[in-house]
Amino acid sequence: MYWKDEDTNRVRSEEFSNKTGWDHSAMDAALEMAQEADTNMFPWLLEEDGCTVAHGWGGDLLGAYRYQG
C-alpha cells in the first residue's frame, strides 16, 4: 500500500503478509491502513501482485467501479 502523507509531503508505503493460518489477514490490515489514510485525507493506493486493487482520497473511492444494472 502507498499513500502520500500530506503533512510531510512524502510518499510512504507498507507491505502486508498473511499471518499463518489467517486467510485474508494481509488484505484486512491493508484496508485498515487505507481507512486511516483516508480519514486523514491522504491519497492512497492499494496493490496486490503489482496490480491496483483500490485507491481513494478522503472518502472518494476513485477506484471503486460499481455495477450499474
N, C-alpha and C. Protein backbone atom coordinates (compact mmCIF):
# COMPACT_ATOMS: atom_id res chain seq x y z
N MET A 1 0.84 -1.15 0.00
CA MET A 1 0.00 0.00 0.00
C MET A 1 0.89 1.23 0.00
N TYR A 2 0.48 2.24 -0.76
CA TYR A 2 1.18 3.50 -0.83
C TYR A 2 0.22 4.62 -0.45
N TRP A 3 0.73 5.63 0.21
CA TRP A 3 -0.09 6.81 0.48
C TRP A 3 0.82 8.02 0.55
N LYS A 4 0.25 9.17 0.26
CA LYS A 4 1.00 10.42 0.34
C LYS A 4 0.61 11.12 1.63
N ASP A 5 1.58 11.28 2.51
CA ASP A 5 1.37 11.99 3.77
C ASP A 5 1.37 13.49 3.44
N GLU A 6 0.19 14.09 3.40
CA GLU A 6 0.07 15.49 3.03
C GLU A 6 0.72 16.43 4.05
N ASP A 7 0.88 15.97 5.29
CA ASP A 7 1.51 16.80 6.31
C ASP A 7 3.01 16.96 6.07
N THR A 8 3.66 15.91 5.60
CA THR A 8 5.11 15.95 5.36
C THR A 8 5.45 16.01 3.87
N ASN A 9 4.43 15.88 3.01
CA ASN A 9 4.60 15.88 1.56
C ASN A 9 5.52 14.74 1.09
N ARG A 10 5.39 13.57 1.74
CA ARG A 10 6.18 12.41 1.37
C ARG A 10 5.28 11.23 1.04
N VAL A 11 5.73 10.42 0.10
CA VAL A 11 5.02 9.20 -0.23
C VAL A 11 5.58 8.10 0.67
N ARG A 12 4.68 7.37 1.29
CA ARG A 12 5.08 6.29 2.19
C ARG A 12 4.46 4.98 1.70
N SER A 13 5.01 3.88 2.17
CA SER A 13 4.47 2.58 1.77
C SER A 13 4.65 1.58 2.89
N GLU A 14 3.86 0.52 2.80
CA GLU A 14 3.97 -0.59 3.74
C GLU A 14 3.52 -1.85 3.02
N GLU A 15 4.22 -2.95 3.29
CA GLU A 15 3.85 -4.25 2.73
C GLU A 15 3.17 -5.08 3.81
N PHE A 16 2.22 -5.88 3.41
CA PHE A 16 1.46 -6.72 4.34
C PHE A 16 1.57 -8.17 3.90
N SER A 17 1.71 -9.08 4.86
CA SER A 17 1.76 -10.52 4.58
C SER A 17 0.73 -11.22 5.46
N ASN A 18 0.16 -12.29 4.93
CA ASN A 18 -0.81 -13.07 5.71
C ASN A 18 -0.15 -13.69 6.94
N LYS A 19 -0.88 -13.68 8.03
CA LYS A 19 -0.43 -14.40 9.22
C LYS A 19 -0.70 -15.88 8.99
N THR A 20 0.13 -16.72 9.55
CA THR A 20 -0.03 -18.17 9.40
C THR A 20 -1.39 -18.60 9.93
N GLY A 21 -2.17 -19.26 9.07
CA GLY A 21 -3.48 -19.77 9.46
C GLY A 21 -4.60 -18.75 9.41
N TRP A 22 -4.34 -17.55 8.96
CA TRP A 22 -5.37 -16.50 8.89
C TRP A 22 -5.56 -16.10 7.43
N ASP A 23 -6.65 -16.50 6.81
CA ASP A 23 -6.93 -16.09 5.45
C ASP A 23 -7.23 -14.60 5.40
N HIS A 24 -6.72 -13.95 4.42
CA HIS A 24 -7.01 -12.54 4.13
C HIS A 24 -6.54 -11.56 5.21
N SER A 25 -5.68 -12.00 6.13
CA SER A 25 -5.25 -11.09 7.19
C SER A 25 -4.44 -9.92 6.64
N ALA A 26 -3.68 -10.15 5.58
CA ALA A 26 -2.90 -9.07 4.98
C ALA A 26 -3.81 -8.02 4.35
N MET A 27 -4.84 -8.47 3.63
CA MET A 27 -5.77 -7.53 3.00
C MET A 27 -6.56 -6.77 4.07
N ASP A 28 -6.95 -7.45 5.12
CA ASP A 28 -7.66 -6.78 6.22
C ASP A 28 -6.80 -5.68 6.83
N ALA A 29 -5.53 -5.97 7.07
CA ALA A 29 -4.62 -4.98 7.65
C ALA A 29 -4.38 -3.82 6.68
N ALA A 30 -4.24 -4.13 5.39
CA ALA A 30 -4.03 -3.08 4.39
C ALA A 30 -5.26 -2.18 4.27
N LEU A 31 -6.45 -2.76 4.30
CA LEU A 31 -7.66 -1.95 4.21
C LEU A 31 -7.85 -1.10 5.46
N GLU A 32 -7.43 -1.62 6.60
CA GLU A 32 -7.49 -0.83 7.83
C GLU A 32 -6.55 0.38 7.73
N MET A 33 -5.36 0.17 7.17
CA MET A 33 -4.41 1.27 6.98
C MET A 33 -4.95 2.26 5.94
N ALA A 34 -5.60 1.75 4.89
CA ALA A 34 -6.19 2.63 3.88
C ALA A 34 -7.27 3.50 4.49
N GLN A 35 -8.07 2.93 5.39
CA GLN A 35 -9.11 3.71 6.05
C GLN A 35 -8.51 4.82 6.90
N GLU A 36 -7.40 4.52 7.56
CA GLU A 36 -6.72 5.53 8.37
C GLU A 36 -6.18 6.65 7.48
N ALA A 37 -5.56 6.29 6.35
CA ALA A 37 -5.05 7.29 5.41
C ALA A 37 -6.20 8.13 4.87
N ASP A 38 -7.31 7.47 4.55
CA ASP A 38 -8.48 8.16 4.01
C ASP A 38 -9.06 9.14 5.03
N THR A 39 -9.10 8.74 6.30
CA THR A 39 -9.60 9.61 7.36
C THR A 39 -8.75 10.87 7.49
N ASN A 40 -7.45 10.71 7.25
CA ASN A 40 -6.53 11.85 7.31
C ASN A 40 -6.49 12.66 6.02
N MET A 41 -7.36 12.29 5.07
CA MET A 41 -7.46 12.98 3.78
C MET A 41 -6.17 12.83 2.94
N PHE A 42 -5.51 11.67 3.08
CA PHE A 42 -4.32 11.38 2.29
C PHE A 42 -4.72 10.51 1.11
N PRO A 43 -4.23 10.79 -0.10
CA PRO A 43 -4.49 9.89 -1.22
C PRO A 43 -3.76 8.56 -0.98
N TRP A 44 -4.40 7.44 -1.36
CA TRP A 44 -3.80 6.13 -1.13
C TRP A 44 -4.04 5.21 -2.30
N LEU A 45 -3.20 4.19 -2.41
CA LEU A 45 -3.25 3.22 -3.50
C LEU A 45 -2.92 1.85 -2.91
N LEU A 46 -3.77 0.88 -3.19
CA LEU A 46 -3.57 -0.48 -2.69
C LEU A 46 -3.31 -1.39 -3.88
N GLU A 47 -2.19 -2.10 -3.84
CA GLU A 47 -1.82 -3.01 -4.91
C GLU A 47 -1.68 -4.43 -4.38
N GLU A 48 -1.99 -5.39 -5.24
CA GLU A 48 -1.75 -6.81 -4.93
C GLU A 48 -1.07 -7.43 -6.13
N ASP A 49 0.10 -7.97 -5.93
CA ASP A 49 0.90 -8.58 -7.00
C ASP A 49 1.12 -7.62 -8.16
N GLY A 50 1.36 -6.34 -7.84
CA GLY A 50 1.65 -5.34 -8.86
C GLY A 50 0.45 -4.75 -9.57
N CYS A 51 -0.75 -5.18 -9.22
CA CYS A 51 -1.97 -4.67 -9.84
C CYS A 51 -2.75 -3.83 -8.83
N THR A 52 -3.27 -2.69 -9.27
CA THR A 52 -4.05 -1.83 -8.40
C THR A 52 -5.36 -2.51 -8.04
N VAL A 53 -5.63 -2.62 -6.74
CA VAL A 53 -6.85 -3.23 -6.25
C VAL A 53 -7.87 -2.14 -5.93
N ALA A 54 -7.42 -1.05 -5.31
CA ALA A 54 -8.30 0.06 -4.95
C ALA A 54 -7.45 1.29 -4.69
N HIS A 55 -8.07 2.44 -4.81
CA HIS A 55 -7.41 3.68 -4.44
C HIS A 55 -8.47 4.69 -4.07
N GLY A 56 -8.09 5.68 -3.32
CA GLY A 56 -9.05 6.68 -2.88
C GLY A 56 -8.38 7.90 -2.32
N TRP A 57 -9.21 8.87 -1.93
CA TRP A 57 -8.68 10.10 -1.37
C TRP A 57 -9.78 10.79 -0.60
N GLY A 58 -9.71 10.76 0.71
CA GLY A 58 -10.64 11.49 1.56
C GLY A 58 -12.09 11.11 1.39
N GLY A 59 -12.38 9.82 1.27
CA GLY A 59 -13.76 9.37 1.15
C GLY A 59 -14.22 9.15 -0.28
N ASP A 60 -13.52 9.71 -1.25
CA ASP A 60 -13.85 9.47 -2.65
C ASP A 60 -13.15 8.19 -3.10
N LEU A 61 -13.91 7.15 -3.33
CA LEU A 61 -13.32 5.90 -3.76
C LEU A 61 -13.10 5.95 -5.27
N LEU A 62 -11.95 6.48 -5.65
CA LEU A 62 -11.66 6.71 -7.05
C LEU A 62 -11.60 5.42 -7.85
N GLY A 63 -11.24 4.32 -7.18
CA GLY A 63 -11.08 3.05 -7.89
C GLY A 63 -12.23 2.10 -7.68
N ALA A 64 -13.34 2.56 -7.14
CA ALA A 64 -14.48 1.67 -6.88
C ALA A 64 -15.45 1.75 -8.05
N TYR A 65 -15.44 0.74 -8.87
CA TYR A 65 -16.35 0.71 -10.02
C TYR A 65 -17.57 -0.10 -9.63
N ARG A 66 -18.71 0.50 -9.70
CA ARG A 66 -19.95 -0.15 -9.25
C ARG A 66 -20.75 -0.65 -10.44
N TYR A 67 -21.44 -1.75 -10.22
CA TYR A 67 -22.33 -2.29 -11.24
C TYR A 67 -23.52 -1.34 -11.42
N GLN A 68 -23.75 -0.93 -12.63
CA GLN A 68 -24.84 -0.01 -12.95
C GLN A 68 -25.91 -0.77 -13.70
N GLY A 69 -26.60 -1.72 -13.02
CA GLY A 69 -27.54 -2.60 -13.68
C GLY A 69 -28.90 -2.11 -13.84
